[in-house]
Amino acid sequence: MPRVKIDTIEIQYEISGYGPPVVFINGLTMDLNGWLLQVDAFSKEYRMVRYDCRGQGDSDKPESEYSQELHADDLACLLEKLEIPRAHLVGLSNGGMIAQHFALRYPEKTGALVLVDACSHADTLLKLIVTSWIEAAEAGGSGLRYDVTLPYLFSEDFMSKNLDRILAMKEMNMARNPVKAIVNLSRASMRHDLRDRVSEITAPTLILSGEEDILIPLRYSRMLREKIKNSTLVTLKNCGHVPPIEKPEEFNRIAIKFLKEHDSLLD
């Protein structure tokens, strides 16, 4: 896959399809392959840009601390290198946090937003959960971190029907998430706090929430809906924290319909 130099690091990305540009921003322990169930649907309508943030997948994993602001700046540089002046953004969980920072720092580069199981800030409970992931990684490596993280990601029904497949992904996930990188990514997510600024987002925003998400429950999405004036909240039933994987057809249909309504922003 292609890579592009951004400051002192290289970022991996993949482009599929033609049309208005849509950028997909990964969840914390995800890489750009986590959006494979979106490629067919979106690439028929859009120029779909998937990429790995610093610390993720096959992008570089510098030892220095990360921040959501730094991730947003990385994305702005990536768009400049790809000669994309403005794009829609689809961000899952940590990616939704980064998308908020990007929309505030670069409103002129932002089309519409799709925030998926995201939040305006990491509160005490979420910080405690992420801290447990960090401690698991530091004590038992990426394997223990995977085991501790897993119960938070999917609905009970999806987990019971797909457990063997999910467990089979463990080795690959461990290889792509070394301890230091996942600690840096996790600490950056814990510092996410836009509760006093998220109301400044002016981009049209679709907020999607899995009804059974126990990591970032529906109440976080409702807070976003209350604060972002030009926003709509849609709840996906029988779904946990990762709708693009659990409910891909429903997710794709809802997100594409919303984005099509705002493609004129990219003209």
Protein backbone atom coordinates (compact mmCIF):
# COMPACT_ATOMS: atom_id res chain seq x y z
CA MET A 1 0.00 0.00 0.00
CA PRO A 2 1.22 3.57 -0.63
CA ARG A 3 2.86 5.62 2.09
CA VAL A 4 3.37 9.37 2.33
CA LYS A 5 5.93 11.36 4.32
CA ILE A 6 4.42 13.66 6.93
CA ASP A 7 6.89 15.62 9.00
CA THR A 8 9.32 12.98 10.34
CA ILE A 9 7.06 9.94 9.85
CA GLU A 10 5.37 8.01 7.07
CA ILE A 11 1.63 7.33 6.98
CA GLN A 12 0.09 4.39 5.12
CA TYR A 13 -3.10 5.00 3.15
CA GLU A 14 -5.33 3.39 0.54
CA ILE A 15 -7.66 5.03 -1.99
CA SER A 16 -10.66 3.29 -3.56
CA GLY A 17 -13.21 4.63 -6.03
CA TYR A 18 -13.88 8.02 -7.58
CA GLY A 19 -16.02 10.98 -6.63
CA PRO A 20 -16.19 13.33 -3.66
CA PRO A 21 -13.52 12.41 -1.07
CA VAL A 22 -14.44 10.66 2.19
CA VAL A 23 -11.78 9.94 4.81
CA PHE A 24 -12.18 7.06 7.28
CA ILE A 25 -10.44 7.44 10.64
CA ASN A 26 -9.73 4.26 12.59
CA GLY A 27 -10.69 3.23 16.07
CA LEU A 28 -7.92 2.93 18.67
CA THR A 29 -6.62 -0.60 17.96
CA MET A 30 -7.88 -0.72 14.39
CA ASP A 31 -6.07 -0.37 11.07
CA LEU A 32 -7.40 0.63 7.65
CA ASN A 33 -8.45 -2.98 6.93
CA GLY A 34 -11.16 -2.54 9.55
CA TRP A 35 -13.16 -0.65 6.90
CA LEU A 36 -13.12 -3.42 4.29
CA LEU A 37 -16.87 -3.96 4.64
CA GLN A 38 -17.36 -0.35 3.54
CA VAL A 39 -15.18 -0.40 0.43
CA ASP A 40 -17.65 -1.83 -2.10
CA ALA A 41 -20.53 0.43 -1.09
CA PHE A 42 -18.61 3.70 -0.65
CA SER A 43 -16.24 3.34 -3.60
CA LYS A 44 -19.22 3.32 -5.97
CA GLU A 45 -20.12 6.83 -4.83
CA TYR A 46 -16.94 8.33 -3.39
CA ARG A 47 -13.17 8.59 -3.47
CA MET A 48 -12.66 6.60 -0.29
CA VAL A 49 -9.49 7.36 1.68
CA ARG A 50 -8.53 4.92 4.42
CA TYR A 51 -5.36 5.49 6.41
CA ASP A 52 -3.53 4.42 9.56
CA CYS A 53 -2.88 7.12 12.13
CA ARG A 54 0.63 7.34 13.53
CA GLY A 55 1.02 4.36 15.86
CA GLN A 56 -1.46 2.23 13.91
CA GLY A 57 -1.19 -0.53 11.31
CA ASP A 58 1.73 -0.04 8.92
CA SER A 59 2.19 3.66 9.60
CA ASP A 60 5.27 4.65 11.59
CA LYS A 61 5.09 4.33 15.37
CA PRO A 62 7.33 7.00 16.89
CA GLU A 63 8.25 6.74 20.56
CA SER A 64 7.17 10.30 21.36
CA GLU A 65 3.77 11.10 22.88
CA TYR A 66 0.73 11.43 20.63
CA SER A 67 -2.28 13.72 20.95
CA GLN A 68 -5.60 14.05 19.18
CA GLU A 69 -4.49 17.47 17.96
CA LEU A 70 -1.37 15.88 16.46
CA HIS A 71 -3.48 13.22 14.74
CA ALA A 72 -5.67 16.00 13.30
CA ASP A 73 -2.60 17.82 12.01
CA ASP A 74 -1.34 14.57 10.46
CA LEU A 75 -4.62 14.20 8.61
CA ALA A 76 -4.47 17.79 7.36
CA CYS A 77 -0.99 17.09 5.97
CA LEU A 78 -2.18 13.84 4.37
CA LEU A 79 -5.02 15.66 2.60
CA GLU A 80 -2.57 18.30 1.37
CA LYS A 81 -0.22 15.64 0.01
CA LEU A 82 -3.16 13.95 -1.74
CA GLU A 83 -4.30 17.34 -3.12
CA ILE A 84 -7.69 17.06 -1.42
CA PRO A 85 -8.81 20.54 -0.33
CA ARG A 86 -11.89 19.37 1.57
CA ALA A 87 -13.37 16.01 2.55
CA HIS A 88 -16.15 14.32 4.46
CA LEU A 89 -14.91 12.51 7.58
CA VAL A 90 -16.10 9.21 9.05
CA GLY A 91 -14.55 8.47 12.44
CA LEU A 92 -15.09 5.46 14.68
CA SER A 93 -14.57 5.81 18.44
CA ASN A 94 -11.06 7.27 18.79
CA GLY A 95 -11.34 8.21 15.13
CA GLY A 96 -14.48 10.15 15.98
CA MET A 97 -12.51 12.05 18.61
CA ILE A 98 -9.85 12.91 16.03
CA ALA A 99 -12.56 13.99 13.58
CA GLN A 100 -13.91 16.48 16.13
CA HIS A 101 -10.47 18.01 16.63
CA PHE A 102 -9.98 18.18 12.87
CA ALA A 103 -13.35 19.88 12.33
CA LEU A 104 -12.45 22.53 14.91
CA ARG A 105 -8.87 23.07 13.73
CA TYR A 106 -9.59 22.87 10.00
CA PRO A 107 -13.22 23.84 9.34
CA GLU A 108 -12.30 24.93 5.82
CA LYS A 109 -11.11 21.37 5.06
CA THR A 110 -14.16 19.68 6.59
CA GLY A 111 -17.27 18.66 4.67
CA ALA A 112 -19.76 16.62 6.69
CA LEU A 113 -18.97 14.47 9.74
CA VAL A 114 -20.06 10.95 10.66
CA LEU A 115 -19.15 10.31 14.30
CA VAL A 116 -19.55 6.63 15.20
CA ASP A 117 -19.72 5.66 18.88
CA ALA A 118 -17.65 8.69 19.83
CA CYS A 119 -17.71 11.19 22.70
CA SER A 120 -16.89 14.82 23.37
CA HIS A 121 -14.56 13.93 26.25
CA ALA A 122 -13.12 11.00 28.15
CA ASP A 123 -14.86 11.00 31.53
CA THR A 124 -13.75 9.17 34.67
CA LEU A 125 -15.28 5.80 33.75
CA LEU A 126 -13.82 5.78 30.24
CA LYS A 127 -10.42 6.80 31.58
CA LEU A 128 -10.51 3.92 34.05
CA ILE A 129 -11.34 1.46 31.26
CA VAL A 130 -8.55 2.72 29.00
CA THR A 131 -6.14 2.73 31.95
CA SER A 132 -6.88 -0.96 32.45
CA TRP A 133 -5.96 -1.56 28.79
CA ILE A 134 -2.66 0.28 29.27
CA GLU A 135 -1.85 -1.67 32.42
CA ALA A 136 -2.74 -4.95 30.71
CA ALA A 137 -0.43 -4.12 27.80
CA GLU A 138 2.44 -3.13 30.08
CA ALA A 139 2.00 -6.16 32.35
CA GLY A 140 1.16 -8.90 29.84
CA GLY A 141 1.89 -7.54 26.41
CA SER A 142 -0.42 -7.05 23.44
CA GLY A 143 -2.07 -10.45 23.95
CA LEU A 144 -3.40 -9.63 27.40
CA ARG A 145 -4.43 -6.18 26.18
CA TYR A 146 -6.46 -7.85 23.41
CA ASP A 147 -8.21 -10.14 25.92
CA VAL A 148 -9.05 -7.25 28.25
CA THR A 149 -10.30 -5.01 25.43
CA LEU A 150 -12.43 -7.55 23.59
CA PRO A 151 -15.52 -7.65 25.86
CA TYR A 152 -16.10 -3.94 25.29
CA LEU A 153 -16.23 -4.04 21.50
CA PHE A 154 -19.19 -6.08 20.29
CA SER A 155 -22.75 -6.88 21.25
CA GLU A 156 -23.39 -10.15 23.04
CA ASP A 157 -25.25 -11.62 20.05
CA PHE A 158 -22.49 -10.75 17.58
CA MET A 159 -19.80 -12.01 19.94
CA SER A 160 -21.52 -15.36 20.51
CA LYS A 161 -22.00 -15.95 16.78
CA ASN A 162 -18.51 -14.85 15.74
CA LEU A 163 -16.30 -15.67 18.73
CA ASP A 164 -14.08 -18.16 16.90
CA ARG A 165 -13.40 -15.67 14.10
CA ILE A 166 -12.76 -12.84 16.55
CA LEU A 167 -10.32 -14.93 18.60
CA ALA A 168 -8.56 -16.01 15.41
CA MET A 169 -7.73 -12.34 14.76
CA LYS A 170 -5.76 -12.10 18.00
CA GLU A 171 -2.31 -12.93 16.61
CA MET A 172 -2.62 -10.42 13.79
CA ASN A 173 -3.93 -7.74 16.14
CA MET A 174 -1.03 -8.36 18.53
CA ALA A 175 1.51 -8.04 15.72
CA ARG A 176 0.04 -4.74 14.53
CA ASN A 177 -0.33 -3.22 18.01
CA PRO A 178 3.01 -3.27 19.85
CA VAL A 179 2.85 -2.24 23.47
CA LYS A 180 4.49 1.18 23.22
CA ALA A 181 2.31 2.26 20.29
CA ILE A 182 -0.93 1.18 21.93
CA VAL A 183 0.07 2.93 25.16
CA ASN A 184 0.78 6.15 23.25
CA LEU A 185 -2.52 5.94 21.37
CA SER A 186 -4.45 5.16 24.57
CA ARG A 187 -2.95 8.01 26.56
CA ALA A 188 -3.82 10.44 23.78
CA SER A 189 -7.44 9.26 23.83
CA MET A 190 -7.62 9.74 27.60
CA ARG A 191 -6.66 13.40 27.19
CA HIS A 192 -9.50 14.01 24.72
CA ASP A 193 -11.67 16.79 26.13
CA LEU A 194 -13.75 19.02 23.87
CA ARG A 195 -16.79 19.29 26.11
CA ASP A 196 -16.48 23.09 26.15
CA ARG A 197 -15.71 23.42 22.43
CA VAL A 198 -17.66 20.75 20.58
CA SER A 199 -20.59 23.16 20.25
CA GLU A 200 -18.34 25.22 17.94
CA ILE A 201 -18.46 22.50 15.27
CA THR A 202 -20.43 23.86 12.33
CA ALA A 203 -20.15 20.92 9.93
CA PRO A 204 -23.33 18.90 9.33
CA THR A 205 -22.91 15.91 11.63
CA LEU A 206 -24.42 12.44 11.75
CA ILE A 207 -23.94 10.73 15.11
CA LEU A 208 -24.27 6.94 14.99
CA SER A 209 -24.44 4.87 18.17
CA GLY A 210 -24.71 1.14 18.77
CA GLU A 211 -27.57 0.62 21.21
CA GLU A 212 -25.58 -2.02 23.11
CA ASP A 213 -22.25 -0.19 23.17
CA ILE A 214 -20.86 -0.59 26.70
CA LEU A 215 -17.55 1.19 26.04
CA ILE A 216 -19.04 4.50 24.86
CA PRO A 217 -22.72 4.17 25.75
CA LEU A 218 -25.58 5.99 24.06
CA ARG A 219 -25.50 8.81 26.61
CA TYR A 220 -22.22 10.08 25.09
CA SER A 221 -23.87 10.31 21.67
CA ARG A 222 -26.82 12.15 23.17
CA MET A 223 -24.43 14.70 24.66
CA LEU A 224 -22.87 15.23 21.24
CA ARG A 225 -26.32 15.63 19.72
CA GLU A 226 -27.24 18.27 22.30
CA LYS A 227 -24.06 20.29 21.76
CA ILE A 228 -23.53 20.09 17.99
CA LYS A 229 -26.32 22.24 16.59
CA ASN A 230 -26.36 20.89 13.03
CA SER A 231 -26.44 17.21 14.04
CA THR A 232 -28.64 14.12 13.85
CA LEU A 233 -28.49 11.05 16.09
CA VAL A 234 -29.27 7.56 14.78
CA THR A 235 -29.20 4.51 17.05
CA LEU A 236 -28.45 1.05 15.65
CA LYS A 237 -30.35 -1.70 17.47
CA ASN A 238 -28.68 -4.96 18.54
CA CYS A 239 -25.27 -3.43 17.92
CA GLY A 240 -22.21 -2.80 20.04
CA HIS A 241 -19.23 -0.49 19.67
CA VAL A 242 -18.26 -1.28 16.06
CA PRO A 243 -21.27 -0.79 13.72
CA PRO A 244 -19.15 -0.87 10.51
CA ILE A 245 -18.35 -4.51 11.33
CA GLU A 246 -21.48 -5.61 13.18
CA LYS A 247 -24.06 -3.90 10.95
CA PRO A 248 -22.18 -3.04 7.73
CA GLU A 249 -25.14 -2.89 5.36
CA GLU A 250 -27.21 -0.70 7.68
CA PHE A 251 -24.20 1.45 8.52
CA ASN A 252 -23.26 1.94 4.87
CA ARG A 253 -26.81 2.79 3.82
CA ILE A 254 -27.34 5.38 6.58
CA ALA A 255 -23.92 7.01 6.27
CA ILE A 256 -23.97 7.24 2.46
CA LYS A 257 -27.49 8.71 2.44
CA PHE A 258 -26.40 11.39 4.92
CA LEU A 259 -23.19 12.25 3.10
CA LYS A 260 -24.95 12.49 -0.27
CA GLU A 261 -27.15 15.20 1.20
CA HIS A 262 -24.03 17.30 1.86
CA ASP A 263 -21.79 16.60 -1.14
CA SER A 264 -22.31 20.16 -2.32
CA LEU A 265 -19.97 21.24 0.50
CA LEU A 266 -17.10 19.66 -1.43
CA ASP A 267 -17.76 21.45 -4.72
